[in-house]
Amino acid sequence: MRVKEILVLAADLCGRRDLAEYLAGKNGADAGAFAREEESLLRCYNLAENEIALDYLPVRRTQLFESEGCIAYADFAAPPVEIMAVRDAAGRRLPFLAGEKGVRVRAGKALVEYSVRPRVKGVGDIPELSARGDERLLALGAACEFALMSGNFDAASLLDKRYRDALACACRERGGRLKVRRWA
């Protein structure tokens, strides 16, 4: 599923059937206004995907390095947000220290598992969370942000409840981390 299809679903969730039809390729009366709303909805999608990946369901990557004691962050295929684990060739966990310039680990081969920030998407791109979070979760997050940005606070409140429930369910099922909210 592409980002554009998730945007159509998000517009439907917001109750914006006219915008959903425009995004699906059906002509709208005011193409300029719909194009601006599509841009805004895409921005909301990127915010939601970023929040999910950084706070709840990390986008994980693994990469094999030949280490001489320190693996520079510049050597990673994508800039790491968090180093999850470092393993040797046999799969045993290695002690490591994530420092200012790189990851300190003993010399030799090291398989590094790390999380990354999702890149900013366009309408034709494929979501990076498709394997961990589903399209519905991304659409709910984008719809919630869009309703809030549009000033539709009642819809935003309802969508936020559905989004948080879906997020909690995804974290339980897929081994994510769910932040516990507490009152001060």
Protein backbone atom coordinates (compact mmCIF):
# COMPACT_ATOMS: atom_id res chain seq x y z
CA MET A 1 0.00 0.00 0.00
CA ARG A 2 1.29 3.45 -0.91
CA VAL A 3 1.10 6.64 1.14
CA LYS A 4 -1.58 8.03 -1.20
CA GLU A 5 -3.93 5.15 -0.33
CA ILE A 6 -3.36 5.79 3.38
CA LEU A 7 -4.16 9.48 2.81
CA VAL A 8 -7.46 8.49 1.15
CA LEU A 9 -8.30 6.35 4.18
CA ALA A 10 -7.30 9.18 6.55
CA ALA A 11 -9.53 11.66 4.70
CA ASP A 12 -12.42 9.18 4.97
CA LEU A 13 -11.78 8.80 8.71
CA CYS A 14 -11.97 12.59 9.08
CA GLY A 15 -15.33 12.62 7.35
CA ARG A 16 -13.89 14.41 4.32
CA ARG A 17 -15.36 12.32 1.51
CA ASP A 18 -14.73 15.15 -0.97
CA LEU A 19 -11.02 15.18 -0.17
CA ALA A 20 -10.87 11.37 -0.28
CA GLU A 21 -12.40 11.40 -3.77
CA TYR A 22 -9.92 14.04 -4.91
CA LEU A 23 -7.02 11.98 -3.55
CA ALA A 24 -8.39 8.85 -5.23
CA GLY A 25 -8.19 10.63 -8.59
CA LYS A 26 -11.74 11.80 -9.07
CA ASN A 27 -11.95 15.45 -10.10
CA GLY A 28 -12.88 18.00 -7.50
CA ALA A 29 -14.55 21.37 -7.94
CA ASP A 30 -11.66 23.38 -6.48
CA ALA A 31 -8.43 21.56 -7.35
CA GLY A 32 -6.23 24.31 -5.84
CA ALA A 33 -7.86 24.07 -2.40
CA PHE A 34 -7.77 20.28 -2.50
CA ALA A 35 -4.07 20.32 -3.45
CA ARG A 36 -3.32 22.47 -0.38
CA GLU A 37 -5.32 20.11 1.82
CA GLU A 38 -3.47 17.13 0.30
CA GLU A 39 -0.18 18.81 1.20
CA SER A 40 -1.41 19.39 4.74
CA LEU A 41 -2.64 15.79 5.06
CA LEU A 42 0.72 14.51 3.79
CA ARG A 43 2.49 16.62 6.44
CA CYS A 44 0.18 15.08 9.06
CA TYR A 45 0.99 11.60 7.74
CA ASN A 46 4.73 12.26 8.10
CA LEU A 47 4.22 13.54 11.65
CA ALA A 48 2.22 10.44 12.60
CA GLU A 49 4.72 8.02 11.03
CA ASN A 50 7.57 9.79 12.80
CA GLU A 51 5.79 9.66 16.18
CA ILE A 52 4.98 5.97 15.81
CA ALA A 53 8.53 5.06 14.75
CA LEU A 54 10.36 7.14 17.34
CA ASP A 55 8.11 6.57 20.35
CA TYR A 56 6.32 3.24 19.94
CA LEU A 57 7.26 0.88 17.09
CA PRO A 58 10.88 1.53 16.07
CA VAL A 59 12.02 1.00 12.49
CA ARG A 60 14.88 -1.43 13.00
CA ARG A 61 17.85 -2.07 10.76
CA THR A 62 20.78 -4.45 11.11
CA GLN A 63 24.18 -3.95 9.56
CA LEU A 64 27.43 -5.90 9.65
CA PHE A 65 30.62 -3.96 10.40
CA GLU A 66 34.30 -4.80 10.66
CA SER A 67 35.19 -2.93 13.84
CA GLU A 68 38.55 -1.71 15.03
CA GLY A 69 37.14 -0.60 18.36
CA CYS A 70 34.79 2.17 17.22
CA ILE A 71 32.13 2.22 14.51
CA ALA A 72 31.57 5.80 13.34
CA TYR A 73 27.97 6.94 12.93
CA ALA A 74 28.88 8.10 9.41
CA ASP A 75 29.51 4.45 8.45
CA PHE A 76 25.88 3.46 9.03
CA ALA A 77 23.59 3.13 6.00
CA ALA A 78 21.06 5.41 7.74
CA PRO A 79 21.69 7.68 10.73
CA PRO A 80 20.88 5.68 13.88
CA VAL A 81 18.47 7.01 16.47
CA GLU A 82 19.15 4.29 19.03
CA ILE A 83 21.54 1.34 19.14
CA MET A 84 19.48 -1.66 20.22
CA ALA A 85 22.08 -4.44 20.30
CA VAL A 86 25.50 -5.46 19.07
CA ARG A 87 26.27 -9.12 18.38
CA ASP A 88 29.32 -11.07 17.28
CA ALA A 89 29.46 -13.48 14.34
CA ALA A 90 28.04 -16.30 16.50
CA GLY A 91 25.06 -14.19 17.57
CA ARG A 92 26.20 -13.51 21.14
CA ARG A 93 25.48 -10.08 22.58
CA LEU A 94 28.52 -7.85 22.91
CA PRO A 95 28.93 -5.02 25.37
CA PHE A 96 28.98 -1.65 23.65
CA LEU A 97 28.99 2.04 24.45
CA ALA A 98 27.22 4.55 22.22
CA GLY A 99 29.42 7.61 22.36
CA GLU A 100 29.55 11.02 20.75
CA LYS A 101 31.36 9.95 17.59
CA GLY A 102 30.31 6.32 17.27
CA VAL A 103 29.68 2.97 18.88
CA ARG A 104 32.57 1.55 20.91
CA VAL A 105 32.76 -2.21 20.69
CA ARG A 106 35.56 -4.76 20.70
CA ALA A 107 37.55 -5.25 17.49
CA GLY A 108 36.26 -7.75 14.94
CA LYS A 109 33.01 -8.37 13.15
CA ALA A 110 29.95 -6.85 14.76
CA LEU A 111 26.32 -7.07 13.74
CA VAL A 112 24.64 -3.87 14.93
CA GLU A 113 20.88 -3.62 15.36
CA TYR A 114 19.66 -0.04 15.48
CA SER A 115 16.57 2.08 14.96
CA VAL A 116 16.24 4.86 12.39
CA ARG A 117 14.00 7.86 11.81
CA PRO A 118 11.65 7.32 8.85
CA ARG A 119 12.46 9.52 5.90
CA VAL A 120 9.95 12.14 4.78
CA LYS A 121 7.49 10.56 2.37
CA GLY A 122 5.74 11.74 -0.77
CA VAL A 123 2.37 10.47 -1.96
CA GLY A 124 3.94 7.78 -4.16
CA ASP A 125 6.23 6.32 -1.50
CA ILE A 126 5.80 3.13 0.51
CA PRO A 127 5.45 3.46 4.32
CA GLU A 128 8.37 2.19 6.37
CA LEU A 129 6.10 0.89 9.12
CA SER A 130 4.09 -1.49 6.95
CA ALA A 131 5.69 -4.59 8.46
CA ARG A 132 5.26 -3.49 12.09
CA GLY A 133 2.34 -1.09 12.21
CA ASP A 134 -0.49 -1.41 9.78
CA GLU A 135 -2.01 1.06 7.33
CA ARG A 136 -5.03 1.65 9.56
CA LEU A 137 -2.79 2.81 12.41
CA LEU A 138 -0.97 5.25 10.11
CA ALA A 139 -4.28 6.51 8.68
CA LEU A 140 -5.73 7.04 12.16
CA GLY A 141 -2.65 8.99 13.24
CA ALA A 142 -2.71 11.16 10.12
CA ALA A 143 -6.47 11.71 10.40
CA CYS A 144 -6.16 12.74 14.05
CA GLU A 145 -3.42 15.28 13.24
CA PHE A 146 -5.36 16.58 10.23
CA ALA A 147 -8.59 17.05 12.19
CA LEU A 148 -6.66 18.90 14.89
CA MET A 149 -4.89 21.15 12.36
CA SER A 150 -8.21 21.85 10.64
CA GLY A 151 -9.79 23.00 13.89
CA ASN A 152 -12.25 20.11 14.05
CA PHE A 153 -11.65 19.39 17.73
CA ASP A 154 -14.61 17.02 18.26
CA ALA A 155 -13.46 14.74 15.44
CA ALA A 156 -9.85 15.06 16.62
CA SER A 157 -10.83 13.90 20.10
CA LEU A 158 -12.67 10.84 18.78
CA LEU A 159 -9.89 9.99 16.32
CA ASP A 160 -7.26 10.39 19.04
CA LYS A 161 -9.06 7.81 21.20
CA ARG A 162 -9.22 5.35 18.28
CA TYR A 163 -5.58 6.06 17.38
CA ARG A 164 -4.34 5.50 20.94
CA ASP A 165 -6.35 2.26 21.21
CA ALA A 166 -4.93 0.99 17.91
CA LEU A 167 -1.45 2.01 19.01
CA ALA A 168 -1.79 0.17 22.32
CA CYS A 169 -3.01 -2.92 20.49
CA ALA A 170 -0.13 -2.78 17.99
CA CYS A 171 2.42 -2.38 20.78
CA ARG A 172 1.05 -5.38 22.67
CA GLU A 173 0.95 -7.61 19.59
CA ARG A 174 4.23 -6.60 17.98
CA GLY A 175 6.60 -6.10 20.88
CA GLY A 176 6.63 -2.30 20.81
CA ARG A 177 6.93 -0.01 23.76
CA LEU A 178 3.95 1.87 25.06
CA LYS A 179 4.48 4.94 27.18
CA VAL A 180 2.46 5.01 30.36
CA ARG A 181 0.71 8.34 30.85
CA ARG A 182 0.66 9.65 34.40
CA TRP A 183 -0.88 12.64 36.03
CA ALA A 184 1.45 14.80 38.09
